[in-house]
Amino acid sequence: MREALRFVPDCLVLFRRLLGDARVPRRHKLLLAGVVGYLAMPFDLIPDFIPVLGQLDDAVVVVLGLRAVLRSAGPVAVREHWPGTPEGRAVIMRLAG
């Protein structure tokens, strides 16, 4: 449960770090900035007060953004910048393909 609660904050830190990485192309940095902006907005496509589904839309946006970065910068960049546990990194890598 603790790892699940840290998922989105760890992804925000990861995205912030990837924004400064030279291996990430500019178009993917813009995509990451959009994902961070979406996560920071006080409203979502599905409101967070709806159990499970409210957090699921955030997770889907994170996974899709990370998938694009993984395909361009590679898994090494994600591995270097991931702030969470190795188990959490394994989950995000598996989800992102």
PDB file of N, CA and C in Angstrom:
ATOM      1  N   MET A   1       0.830  -1.197   0.000  1.00  0.00           N
ATOM      2  CA  MET A   1       0.000   0.000   0.000  1.00  0.00           C
ATOM      3  C   MET A   1       0.878   1.265   0.000  1.00  0.00           C
ATOM      4  N   ARG A   2       1.951   1.211   0.763  1.00  0.00           N
ATOM      5  CA  ARG A   2       2.846   2.361   0.854  1.00  0.00           C
ATOM      6  C   ARG A   2       3.436   2.698  -0.522  1.00  0.00           C
ATOM      7  N   GLU A   3       3.829   1.668  -1.261  1.00  0.00           N
ATOM      8  CA  GLU A   3       4.397   1.877  -2.598  1.00  0.00           C
ATOM      9  C   GLU A   3       3.362   2.502  -3.532  1.00  0.00           C
ATOM     10  N   ALA A   4       2.129   2.065  -3.422  1.00  0.00           N
ATOM     11  CA  ALA A   4       1.073   2.620  -4.269  1.00  0.00           C
ATOM     12  C   ALA A   4       0.859   4.106  -3.974  1.00  0.00           C
ATOM     13  N   LEU A   5       0.970   4.507  -2.715  1.00  0.00           N
ATOM     14  CA  LEU A   5       0.799   5.908  -2.344  1.00  0.00           C
ATOM     15  C   LEU A   5       1.962   6.768  -2.828  1.00  0.00           C
ATOM     16  N   ARG A   6       3.126   6.173  -3.004  1.00  0.00           N
ATOM     17  CA  ARG A   6       4.309   6.908  -3.456  1.00  0.00           C
ATOM     18  C   ARG A   6       4.433   6.963  -4.974  1.00  0.00           C
ATOM     19  N   PHE A   7       3.610   6.231  -5.706  1.00  0.00           N
ATOM     20  CA  PHE A   7       3.745   6.117  -7.151  1.00  0.00           C
ATOM     21  C   PHE A   7       3.720   7.473  -7.857  1.00  0.00           C
ATOM     22  N   VAL A   8       2.665   8.235  -7.670  1.00  0.00           N
ATOM     23  CA  VAL A   8       2.527   9.508  -8.378  1.00  0.00           C
ATOM     24  C   VAL A   8       3.588  10.512  -7.921  1.00  0.00           C
ATOM     25  N   PRO A   9       3.838  10.691  -6.612  1.00  0.00           N
ATOM     26  CA  PRO A   9       4.920  11.619  -6.226  1.00  0.00           C
ATOM     27  C   PRO A   9       6.288  11.202  -6.771  1.00  0.00           C
ATOM     28  N   ASP A  10       6.586   9.907  -6.772  1.00  0.00           N
ATOM     29  CA  ASP A  10       7.856   9.444  -7.344  1.00  0.00           C
ATOM     30  C   ASP A  10       7.916   9.737  -8.839  1.00  0.00           C
ATOM     31  N   CYS A  11       6.797   9.592  -9.513  1.00  0.00           N
ATOM     32  CA  CYS A  11       6.753   9.889 -10.951  1.00  0.00           C
ATOM     33  C   CYS A  11       6.938  11.375 -11.203  1.00  0.00           C
ATOM     34  N   LEU A  12       6.397  12.220 -10.354  1.00  0.00           N
ATOM     35  CA  LEU A  12       6.595  13.657 -10.507  1.00  0.00           C
ATOM     36  C   LEU A  12       8.077  14.024 -10.384  1.00  0.00           C
ATOM     37  N   VAL A  13       8.749  13.435  -9.399  1.00  0.00           N
ATOM     38  CA  VAL A  13      10.192  13.673  -9.231  1.00  0.00           C
ATOM     39  C   VAL A  13      10.956  13.154 -10.446  1.00  0.00           C
ATOM     40  N   LEU A  14      10.597  11.966 -10.899  1.00  0.00           N
ATOM     41  CA  LEU A  14      11.243  11.389 -12.076  1.00  0.00           C
ATOM     42  C   LEU A  14      11.070  12.310 -13.278  1.00  0.00           C
ATOM     43  N   PHE A  15       9.860  12.796 -13.503  1.00  0.00           N
ATOM     44  CA  PHE A  15       9.604  13.653 -14.653  1.00  0.00           C
ATOM     45  C   PHE A  15      10.393  14.953 -14.545  1.00  0.00           C
ATOM     46  N   ARG A  16      10.441  15.529 -13.362  1.00  0.00           N
ATOM     47  CA  ARG A  16      11.201  16.767 -13.177  1.00  0.00           C
ATOM     48  C   ARG A  16      12.677  16.544 -13.515  1.00  0.00           C
ATOM     49  N   ARG A  17      13.217  15.416 -13.084  1.00  0.00           N
ATOM     50  CA  ARG A  17      14.617  15.109 -13.369  1.00  0.00           C
ATOM     51  C   ARG A  17      14.839  14.847 -14.857  1.00  0.00           C
ATOM     52  N   LEU A  18      13.892  14.175 -15.500  1.00  0.00           N
ATOM     53  CA  LEU A  18      14.032  13.890 -16.926  1.00  0.00           C
ATOM     54  C   LEU A  18      13.942  15.165 -17.764  1.00  0.00           C
ATOM     55  N   LEU A  19      13.215  16.158 -17.268  1.00  0.00           N
ATOM     56  CA  LEU A  19      13.122  17.426 -17.997  1.00  0.00           C
ATOM     57  C   LEU A  19      14.493  18.085 -18.149  1.00  0.00           C
ATOM     58  N   GLY A  20      15.385  17.836 -17.218  1.00  0.00           N
ATOM     59  CA  GLY A  20      16.723  18.409 -17.282  1.00  0.00           C
ATOM     60  C   GLY A  20      17.751  17.516 -17.944  1.00  0.00           C
ATOM     61  N   ASP A  21      17.348  16.338 -18.387  1.00  0.00           N
ATOM     62  CA  ASP A  21      18.280  15.374 -18.982  1.00  0.00           C
ATOM     63  C   ASP A  21      18.427  15.650 -20.479  1.00  0.00           C
ATOM     64  N   ALA A  22      19.664  15.763 -20.939  1.00  0.00           N
ATOM     65  CA  ALA A  22      19.947  16.069 -22.347  1.00  0.00           C
ATOM     66  C   ALA A  22      19.590  14.913 -23.278  1.00  0.00           C
ATOM     67  N   ARG A  23      19.440  13.706 -22.749  1.00  0.00           N
ATOM     68  CA  ARG A  23      19.102  12.547 -23.593  1.00  0.00           C
ATOM     69  C   ARG A  23      17.649  12.537 -24.027  1.00  0.00           C
ATOM     70  N   VAL A  24      16.836  13.333 -23.369  1.00  0.00           N
ATOM     71  CA  VAL A  24      15.403  13.378 -23.682  1.00  0.00           C
ATOM     72  C   VAL A  24      15.165  14.453 -24.742  1.00  0.00           C
ATOM     73  N   PRO A  25      14.592  14.077 -25.892  1.00  0.00           N
ATOM     74  CA  PRO A  25      14.319  15.067 -26.941  1.00  0.00           C
ATOM     75  C   PRO A  25      13.342  16.153 -26.473  1.00  0.00           C
ATOM     76  N   ARG A  26      13.436  17.307 -27.095  1.00  0.00           N
ATOM     77  CA  ARG A  26      12.623  18.463 -26.702  1.00  0.00           C
ATOM     78  C   ARG A  26      11.125  18.157 -26.747  1.00  0.00           C
ATOM     79  N   ARG A  27      10.667  17.449 -27.763  1.00  0.00           N
ATOM     80  CA  ARG A  27       9.225  17.168 -27.870  1.00  0.00           C
ATOM     81  C   ARG A  27       8.743  16.296 -26.717  1.00  0.00           C
ATOM     82  N   HIS A  28       9.604  15.416 -26.231  1.00  0.00           N
ATOM     83  CA  HIS A  28       9.219  14.593 -25.090  1.00  0.00           C
ATOM     84  C   HIS A  28       9.316  15.371 -23.782  1.00  0.00           C
ATOM     85  N   LYS A  29      10.190  16.349 -23.729  1.00  0.00           N
ATOM     86  CA  LYS A  29      10.227  17.226 -22.551  1.00  0.00           C
ATOM     87  C   LYS A  29       8.925  18.026 -22.474  1.00  0.00           C
ATOM     88  N   LEU A  30       8.436  18.467 -23.616  1.00  0.00           N
ATOM     89  CA  LEU A  30       7.151  19.180 -23.626  1.00  0.00           C
ATOM     90  C   LEU A  30       6.019  18.256 -23.177  1.00  0.00           C
ATOM     91  N   LEU A  31       6.077  17.007 -23.618  1.00  0.00           N
ATOM     92  CA  LEU A  31       5.083  16.027 -23.190  1.00  0.00           C
ATOM     93  C   LEU A  31       5.150  15.818 -21.677  1.00  0.00           C
ATOM     94  N   LEU A  32       6.362  15.686 -21.143  1.00  0.00           N
ATOM     95  CA  LEU A  32       6.526  15.513 -19.691  1.00  0.00           C
ATOM     96  C   LEU A  32       6.005  16.724 -18.934  1.00  0.00           C
ATOM     97  N   ALA A  33       6.298  17.904 -19.447  1.00  0.00           N
ATOM     98  CA  ALA A  33       5.794  19.118 -18.792  1.00  0.00           C
ATOM     99  C   ALA A  33       4.264  19.124 -18.793  1.00  0.00           C
ATOM    100  N   GLY A  34       3.666  18.649 -19.874  1.00  0.00           N
ATOM    101  CA  GLY A  34       2.208  18.551 -19.931  1.00  0.00           C
ATOM    102  C   GLY A  34       1.658  17.552 -18.928  1.00  0.00           C
ATOM    103  N   VAL A  35       2.353  16.434 -18.759  1.00  0.00           N
ATOM    104  CA  VAL A  35       1.920  15.427 -17.776  1.00  0.00           C
ATOM    105  C   VAL A  35       2.016  16.000 -16.365  1.00  0.00           C
ATOM    106  N   VAL A  36       3.121  16.672 -16.061  1.00  0.00           N
ATOM    107  CA  VAL A  36       3.276  17.278 -14.729  1.00  0.00           C
ATOM    108  C   VAL A  36       2.183  18.322 -14.514  1.00  0.00           C
ATOM    109  N   GLY A  37       1.910  19.122 -15.539  1.00  0.00           N
ATOM    110  CA  GLY A  37       0.838  20.106 -15.421  1.00  0.00           C
ATOM    111  C   GLY A  37      -0.515  19.465 -15.179  1.00  0.00           C
ATOM    112  N   TYR A  38      -0.777  18.373 -15.879  1.00  0.00           N
ATOM    113  CA  TYR A  38      -2.045  17.666 -15.687  1.00  0.00           C
ATOM    114  C   TYR A  38      -2.159  17.141 -14.253  1.00  0.00           C
ATOM    115  N   LEU A  39      -1.061  16.568 -13.745  1.00  0.00           N
ATOM    116  CA  LEU A  39      -1.090  16.024 -12.387  1.00  0.00           C
ATOM    117  C   LEU A  39      -1.224  17.123 -11.339  1.00  0.00           C
ATOM    118  N   ALA A  40      -0.720  18.308 -11.652  1.00  0.00           N
ATOM    119  CA  ALA A  40      -0.775  19.411 -10.690  1.00  0.00           C
ATOM    120  C   ALA A  40      -2.124  20.133 -10.698  1.00  0.00           C
ATOM    121  N   MET A  41      -2.905  19.955 -11.772  1.00  0.00           N
ATOM    122  CA  MET A  41      -4.197  20.632 -11.847  1.00  0.00           C
ATOM    123  C   MET A  41      -5.123  20.136 -10.736  1.00  0.00           C
ATOM    124  N   PRO A  42      -5.924  21.032 -10.186  1.00  0.00           N
ATOM    125  CA  PRO A  42      -6.829  20.621  -9.110  1.00  0.00           C
ATOM    126  C   PRO A  42      -8.018  19.801  -9.600  1.00  0.00           C
ATOM    127  N   PHE A  43      -8.222  19.716 -10.901  1.00  0.00           N
ATOM    128  CA  PHE A  43      -9.326  18.913 -11.426  1.00  0.00           C
ATOM    129  C   PHE A  43      -8.770  17.911 -12.435  1.00  0.00           C
ATOM    130  N   ASP A  44      -9.471  16.809 -12.607  1.00  0.00           N
ATOM    131  CA  ASP A  44      -9.055  15.730 -13.489  1.00  0.00           C
ATOM    132  C   ASP A  44     -10.200  15.357 -14.420  1.00  0.00           C
ATOM    133  N   LEU A  45      -9.886  14.500 -15.372  1.00  0.00           N
ATOM    134  CA  LEU A  45     -10.952  13.951 -16.211  1.00  0.00           C
ATOM    135  C   LEU A  45     -11.943  13.180 -15.358  1.00  0.00           C
ATOM    136  N   ILE A  46     -11.412  12.401 -14.428  1.00  0.00           N
ATOM    137  CA  ILE A  46     -12.230  11.662 -13.467  1.00  0.00           C
ATOM    138  C   ILE A  46     -11.853  12.188 -12.089  1.00  0.00           C
ATOM    139  N   PRO A  47     -12.785  12.802 -11.352  1.00  0.00           N
ATOM    140  CA  PRO A  47     -12.459  13.392 -10.041  1.00  0.00           C
ATOM    141  C   PRO A  47     -11.843  12.376  -9.082  1.00  0.00           C
ATOM    142  N   ASP A  48     -10.878  12.838  -8.282  1.00  0.00           N
ATOM    143  CA  ASP A  48     -10.162  11.959  -7.355  1.00  0.00           C
ATOM    144  C   ASP A  48     -11.037  11.417  -6.231  1.00  0.00           C
ATOM    145  N   PHE A  49     -12.178  12.022  -5.968  1.00  0.00           N
ATOM    146  CA  PHE A  49     -13.025  11.509  -4.883  1.00  0.00           C
ATOM    147  C   PHE A  49     -13.758  10.227  -5.280  1.00  0.00           C
ATOM    148  N   ILE A  50     -13.710   9.858  -6.559  1.00  0.00           N
ATOM    149  CA  ILE A  50     -14.282   8.581  -6.989  1.00  0.00           C
ATOM    150  C   ILE A  50     -13.243   7.510  -6.726  1.00  0.00           C
ATOM    151  N   PRO A  51     -13.540   6.561  -5.842  1.00  0.00           N
ATOM    152  CA  PRO A  51     -12.536   5.557  -5.470  1.00  0.00           C
ATOM    153  C   PRO A  51     -11.986   4.807  -6.679  1.00  0.00           C
ATOM    154  N   VAL A  52     -10.716   4.568  -6.671  1.00  0.00           N
ATOM    155  CA  VAL A  52      -9.943   3.829  -7.660  1.00  0.00           C
ATOM    156  C   VAL A  52      -9.892   4.558  -9.005  1.00  0.00           C
ATOM    157  N   LEU A  53     -11.028   4.825  -9.622  1.00  0.00           N
ATOM    158  CA  LEU A  53     -11.041   5.469 -10.933  1.00  0.00           C
ATOM    159  C   LEU A  53     -10.435   6.866 -10.891  1.00  0.00           C
ATOM    160  N   GLY A  54     -10.585   7.557  -9.787  1.00  0.00           N
ATOM    161  CA  GLY A  54     -10.040   8.906  -9.646  1.00  0.00           C
ATOM    162  C   GLY A  54      -8.531   8.937  -9.728  1.00  0.00           C
ATOM    163  N   GLN A  55      -7.888   7.924  -9.210  1.00  0.00           N
ATOM    164  CA  GLN A  55      -6.432   7.840  -9.276  1.00  0.00           C
ATOM    165  C   GLN A  55      -5.970   7.129 -10.542  1.00  0.00           C
ATOM    166  N   LEU A  56      -6.833   6.328 -11.114  1.00  0.00           N
ATOM    167  CA  LEU A  56      -6.463   5.557 -12.295  1.00  0.00           C
ATOM    168  C   LEU A  56      -6.171   6.464 -13.493  1.00  0.00           C
ATOM    169  N   ASP A  57      -6.921   7.537 -13.660  1.00  0.00           N
ATOM    170  CA  ASP A  57      -6.638   8.417 -14.791  1.00  0.00           C
ATOM    171  C   ASP A  57      -5.266   9.067 -14.655  1.00  0.00           C
ATOM    172  N   ASP A  58      -4.872   9.420 -13.424  1.00  0.00           N
ATOM    173  CA  ASP A  58      -3.524   9.957 -13.209  1.00  0.00           C
ATOM    174  C   ASP A  58      -2.465   8.922 -13.582  1.00  0.00           C
ATOM    175  N   ALA A  59      -2.665   7.701 -13.168  1.00  0.00           N
ATOM    176  CA  ALA A  59      -1.696   6.643 -13.458  1.00  0.00           C
ATOM    177  C   ALA A  59      -1.586   6.390 -14.959  1.00  0.00           C
ATOM    178  N   VAL A  60      -2.695   6.431 -15.665  1.00  0.00           N
ATOM    179  CA  VAL A  60      -2.669   6.197 -17.112  1.00  0.00           C
ATOM    180  C   VAL A  60      -1.902   7.314 -17.814  1.00  0.00           C
ATOM    181  N   VAL A  61      -2.124   8.549 -17.405  1.00  0.00           N
ATOM    182  CA  VAL A  61      -1.408   9.676 -18.003  1.00  0.00           C
ATOM    183  C   VAL A  61       0.090   9.541 -17.748  1.00  0.00           C
ATOM    184  N   VAL A  62       0.467   9.168 -16.530  1.00  0.00           N
ATOM    185  CA  VAL A  62       1.881   8.979 -16.188  1.00  0.00           C
ATOM    186  C   VAL A  62       2.497   7.876 -17.039  1.00  0.00           C
ATOM    187  N   VAL A  63       1.827   6.755 -17.153  1.00  0.00           N
ATOM    188  CA  VAL A  63       2.360   5.619 -17.907  1.00  0.00           C
ATOM    189  C   VAL A  63       2.526   5.973 -19.384  1.00  0.00           C
ATOM    190  N   LEU A  64       1.549   6.643 -19.971  1.00  0.00           N
ATOM    191  CA  LEU A  64       1.653   7.009 -21.386  1.00  0.00           C
ATOM    192  C   LEU A  64       2.793   8.001 -21.624  1.00  0.00           C
ATOM    193  N   GLY A  65       2.939   8.967 -20.731  1.00  0.00           N
ATOM    194  CA  GLY A  65       4.047   9.920 -20.859  1.00  0.00           C
ATOM    195  C   GLY A  65       5.392   9.242 -20.685  1.00  0.00           C
ATOM    196  N   LEU A  66       5.477   8.355 -19.715  1.00  0.00           N
ATOM    197  CA  LEU A  66       6.735   7.647 -19.464  1.00  0.00           C
ATOM    198  C   LEU A  66       7.066   6.701 -20.609  1.00  0.00           C
ATOM    199  N   ARG A  67       6.075   6.102 -21.204  1.00  0.00           N
ATOM    200  CA  ARG A  67       6.311   5.200 -22.340  1.00  0.00           C
ATOM    201  C   ARG A  67       6.998   5.946 -23.481  1.00  0.00           C
ATOM    202  N   ALA A  68       6.530   7.161 -23.763  1.00  0.00           N
ATOM    203  CA  ALA A  68       7.145   7.956 -24.830  1.00  0.00           C
ATOM    204  C   ALA A  68       8.599   8.284 -24.497  1.00  0.00           C
ATOM    205  N   VAL A  69       8.861   8.625 -23.241  1.00  0.00           N
ATOM    206  CA  VAL A  69      10.237   8.957 -22.837  1.00  0.00           C
ATOM    207  C   VAL A  69      11.126   7.723 -22.870  1.00  0.00           C
ATOM    208  N   LEU A  70      10.613   6.594 -22.420  1.00  0.00           N
ATOM    209  CA  LEU A  70      11.400   5.361 -22.451  1.00  0.00           C
ATOM    210  C   LEU A  70      11.822   5.006 -23.864  1.00  0.00           C
ATOM    211  N   ARG A  71      10.944   5.228 -24.800  1.00  0.00           N
ATOM    212  CA  ARG A  71      11.258   4.880 -26.184  1.00  0.00           C
ATOM    213  C   ARG A  71      12.274   5.841 -26.785  1.00  0.00           C
ATOM    214  N   SER A  72      12.367   7.062 -26.277  1.00  0.00           N
ATOM    215  CA  SER A  72      13.323   8.008 -26.847  1.00  0.00           C
ATOM    216  C   SER A  72      14.625   8.073 -26.051  1.00  0.00           C
ATOM    217  N   ALA A  73      14.551   8.201 -24.739  1.00  0.00           N
ATOM    218  CA  ALA A  73      15.752   8.353 -23.913  1.00  0.00           C
ATOM    219  C   ALA A  73      16.319   7.019 -23.466  1.00  0.00           C
ATOM    220  N   GLY A  74      15.477   6.009 -23.398  1.00  0.00           N
ATOM    221  CA  GLY A  74      15.922   4.688 -22.990  1.00  0.00           C
ATOM    222  C   GLY A  74      15.722   4.433 -21.512  1.00  0.00           C
ATOM    223  N   PRO A  75      15.715   3.167 -21.143  1.00  0.00           N
ATOM    224  CA  PRO A  75      15.482   2.803 -19.750  1.00  0.00           C
ATOM    225  C   PRO A  75      16.606   3.216 -18.809  1.00  0.00           C
ATOM    226  N   VAL A  76      17.801   3.443 -19.343  1.00  0.00           N
ATOM    227  CA  VAL A  76      18.929   3.838 -18.485  1.00  0.00           C
ATOM    228  C   VAL A  76      18.645   5.184 -17.820  1.00  0.00           C
ATOM    229  N   ALA A  77      18.100   6.132 -18.586  1.00  0.00           N
ATOM    230  CA  ALA A  77      17.787   7.444 -18.033  1.00  0.00           C
ATOM    231  C   ALA A  77      16.749   7.325 -16.924  1.00  0.00           C
ATOM    232  N   VAL A  78      15.745   6.495 -17.140  1.00  0.00           N
ATOM    233  CA  VAL A  78      14.716   6.310 -16.114  1.00  0.00           C
ATOM    234  C   VAL A  78      15.321   5.659 -14.882  1.00  0.00           C
ATOM    235  N   ARG A  79      16.152   4.677 -15.079  1.00  0.00           N
ATOM    236  CA  ARG A  79      16.801   3.978 -13.965  1.00  0.00           C
ATOM    237  C   ARG A  79      17.651   4.953 -13.146  1.00  0.00           C
ATOM    238  N   GLU A  80      18.365   5.839 -13.812  1.00  0.00           N
ATOM    239  CA  GLU A  80      19.227   6.800 -13.115  1.00  0.00           C
ATOM    240  C   GLU A  80      18.428   7.817 -12.308  1.00  0.00           C
ATOM    241  N   HIS A  81      17.277   8.205 -12.800  1.00  0.00           N
ATOM    242  CA  HIS A  81      16.521   9.292 -12.175  1.00  0.00           C
ATOM    243  C   HIS A  81      15.386   8.827 -11.267  1.00  0.00           C
ATOM    244  N   TRP A  82      15.070   7.549 -11.217  1.00  0.00           N
ATOM    245  CA  TRP A  82      13.947   7.071 -10.403  1.00  0.00           C
ATOM    246  C   TRP A  82      14.260   7.275  -8.919  1.00  0.00           C
ATOM    247  N   PRO A  83      13.395   8.004  -8.165  1.00  0.00           N
ATOM    248  CA  PRO A  83      13.669   8.286  -6.759  1.00  0.00           C
ATOM    249  C   PRO A  83      13.140   7.224  -5.790  1.00  0.00           C
ATOM    250  N   GLY A  84      12.305   6.334  -6.269  1.00  0.00           N
ATOM    251  CA  GLY A  84      11.647   5.368  -5.391  1.00  0.00           C
ATOM    252  C   GLY A  84      12.430   4.076  -5.228  1.00  0.00           C
ATOM    253  N   THR A  85      11.719   3.078  -4.810  1.00  0.00           N
ATOM    254  CA  THR A  85      12.320   1.773  -4.562  1.00  0.00           C
ATOM    255  C   THR A  85      12.566   1.032  -5.874  1.00  0.00           C
ATOM    256  N   PRO A  86      13.462   0.058  -5.853  1.00  0.00           N
ATOM    257  CA  PRO A  86      13.675  -0.760  -7.054  1.00  0.00           C
ATOM    258  C   PRO A  86      12.405  -1.490  -7.485  1.00  0.00           C
ATOM    259  N   GLU A  87      11.582  -1.878  -6.536  1.00  0.00           N
ATOM    260  CA  GLU A  87      10.324  -2.552  -6.871  1.00  0.00           C
ATOM    261  C   GLU A  87       9.385  -1.600  -7.617  1.00  0.00           C
ATOM    262  N   GLY A  88       9.327  -0.346  -7.160  1.00  0.00           N
ATOM    263  CA  GLY A  88       8.494   0.647  -7.828  1.00  0.00           C
ATOM    264  C   GLY A  88       8.993   0.935  -9.234  1.00  0.00           C
ATOM    265  N   ARG A  89      10.323   0.982  -9.377  1.00  0.00           N
ATOM    266  CA  ARG A  89      10.889   1.199 -10.701  1.00  0.00           C
ATOM    267  C   ARG A  89      10.567   0.033 -11.631  1.00  0.00           C
ATOM    268  N   ALA A  90      10.618  -1.190 -11.096  1.00  0.00           N
ATOM    269  CA  ALA A  90      10.283  -2.356 -11.906  1.00  0.00           C
ATOM    270  C   ALA A  90       8.834  -2.293 -12.375  1.00  0.00           C
ATOM    271  N   VAL A  91       7.953  -1.847 -11.517  1.00  0.00           N
ATOM    272  CA  VAL A  91       6.543  -1.715 -11.883  1.00  0.00           C
ATOM    273  C   VAL A  91       6.371  -0.690 -12.981  1.00  0.00           C
ATOM    274  N   ILE A  92       6.994   0.473 -12.831  1.00  0.00           N
ATOM    275  CA  ILE A  92       6.828   1.516 -13.835  1.00  0.00           C
ATOM    276  C   ILE A  92       7.448   1.113 -15.159  1.00  0.00           C
ATOM    277  N   MET A  93       8.556   0.411 -15.125  1.00  0.00           N
ATOM    278  CA  MET A  93       9.187  -0.051 -16.365  1.00  0.00           C
ATOM    279  C   MET A  93       8.305  -1.087 -17.063  1.00  0.00           C
ATOM    280  N   ARG A  94       7.713  -1.968 -16.275  1.00  0.00           N
ATOM    281  CA  ARG A  94       6.837  -2.984 -16.853  1.00  0.00           C
ATOM    282  C   ARG A  94       5.573  -2.335 -17.441  1.00  0.00           C
ATOM    283  N   LEU A  95       4.996  -1.379 -16.734  1.00  0.00           N
ATOM    284  CA  LEU A  95       3.802  -0.705 -17.219  1.00  0.00           C
ATOM    285  C   LEU A  95       4.081   0.116 -18.471  1.00  0.00           C
ATOM    286  N   ALA A  96       5.245   0.708 -18.534  1.00  0.00           N
ATOM    287  CA  ALA A  96       5.583   1.566 -19.665  1.00  0.00           C
ATOM    288  C   ALA A  96       6.068   0.764 -20.872  1.00  0.00           C
ATOM    289  N   GLY A  97       6.252  -0.503 -20.704  1.00  0.00           N
ATOM    290  CA  GLY A  97       6.641  -1.341 -21.831  1.00  0.00           C
ATOM    291  C   GLY A  97       8.110  -1.315 -22.057  1.00  0.00           C
TER     292      GLY A  97
END
